[in-house]
Amino acid sequence: MSENGKIFFKSDNDNLYQFALEELLAVNANIIYHTNDLHNKCEYDFKNYLTDYEIKFNLAGKNINFIVFNFKK
């Protein structure tokens, strides 16, 4: 990953999202942005490539969790 690279994490699983946030904090990751509702409450500007599952769950009203992070030194 480049020095200014970012990792984009998306999940429909609320428990996995919460676990990921806790683990990222535990390893001192730089959490740039996070939301538990990517499609309705996201204020982070990026190109979102929708997965088949994301489309399916979004149409069913299920939230998609989202974290942007990196491991800056």
Protein backbone atom coordinates (compact mmCIF):
# COMPACT_ATOMS: atom_id res chain seq x y z
CA MET A 1 0.00 0.00 0.00
CA SER A 2 1.25 3.47 -0.80
CA GLU A 3 2.18 5.81 2.03
CA ASN A 4 -1.14 7.69 1.71
CA GLY A 5 -3.17 4.58 0.86
CA LYS A 6 -6.51 3.85 2.48
CA ILE A 7 -8.41 0.65 3.17
CA PHE A 8 -12.18 0.69 2.62
CA PHE A 9 -14.10 -1.85 4.72
CA LYS A 10 -17.81 -2.52 4.08
CA SER A 11 -20.00 -5.07 5.84
CA ASP A 12 -23.67 -5.80 6.38
CA ASN A 13 -22.76 -7.53 9.65
CA ASP A 14 -23.18 -5.09 12.55
CA ASN A 15 -21.21 -7.25 15.00
CA LEU A 16 -18.29 -7.58 12.58
CA TYR A 17 -18.31 -3.80 12.08
CA GLN A 18 -18.15 -3.18 15.83
CA PHE A 19 -15.43 -5.82 16.25
CA ALA A 20 -13.40 -4.30 13.40
CA LEU A 21 -13.59 -0.83 14.97
CA GLU A 22 -12.43 -2.20 18.33
CA GLU A 23 -9.55 -4.15 16.77
CA LEU A 24 -8.44 -1.23 14.62
CA LEU A 25 -8.34 1.00 17.69
CA ALA A 26 -6.41 -1.68 19.59
CA VAL A 27 -3.66 -1.72 16.94
CA ASN A 28 -3.59 2.09 16.70
CA ALA A 29 -4.90 2.20 13.15
CA ASN A 30 -5.77 5.63 11.83
CA ILE A 31 -9.56 5.54 11.44
CA ILE A 32 -10.29 8.22 8.87
CA TYR A 33 -14.06 7.79 8.72
CA HIS A 34 -16.76 5.35 9.80
CA THR A 35 -20.52 5.06 9.69
CA ASN A 36 -23.05 2.33 10.38
CA ASP A 37 -25.21 3.43 7.43
CA LEU A 38 -23.21 3.92 4.25
CA HIS A 39 -26.16 4.60 1.98
CA ASN A 40 -28.08 7.05 4.17
CA LYS A 41 -25.62 8.75 6.54
CA CYS A 42 -22.25 8.80 4.77
CA GLU A 43 -20.45 12.14 4.52
CA TYR A 44 -17.23 10.67 3.11
CA ASP A 45 -16.67 11.47 -0.55
CA PHE A 46 -15.55 8.40 -2.51
CA LYS A 47 -16.54 6.26 -5.49
CA ASN A 48 -18.60 3.39 -4.07
CA TYR A 49 -18.55 0.25 -6.20
CA LEU A 50 -21.67 -1.66 -5.19
CA THR A 51 -21.37 -5.41 -4.66
CA ASP A 52 -24.22 -7.76 -5.50
CA TYR A 53 -24.78 -8.39 -1.78
CA GLU A 54 -24.70 -4.68 -1.02
CA ILE A 55 -27.41 -4.04 -3.60
CA LYS A 56 -29.50 -6.94 -2.27
CA PHE A 57 -29.26 -5.86 1.37
CA ASN A 58 -29.77 -2.19 0.55
CA LEU A 59 -32.99 -2.98 -1.32
CA ALA A 60 -34.13 -5.00 1.71
CA GLY A 61 -33.51 -1.99 3.99
CA LYS A 62 -30.42 -3.48 5.70
CA ASN A 63 -27.73 -0.99 6.65
CA ILE A 64 -24.21 -1.29 5.27
CA ASN A 65 -21.39 -0.45 7.69
CA PHE A 66 -18.33 1.38 6.40
CA ILE A 67 -14.84 2.13 7.72
CA VAL A 68 -11.97 3.97 6.02
CA PHE A 69 -8.60 3.49 7.68
CA ASN A 70 -4.85 3.20 7.21
CA PHE A 71 -1.74 2.47 9.21
CA LYS A 72 0.15 5.75 8.92
CA LYS A 73 3.41 5.86 10.82
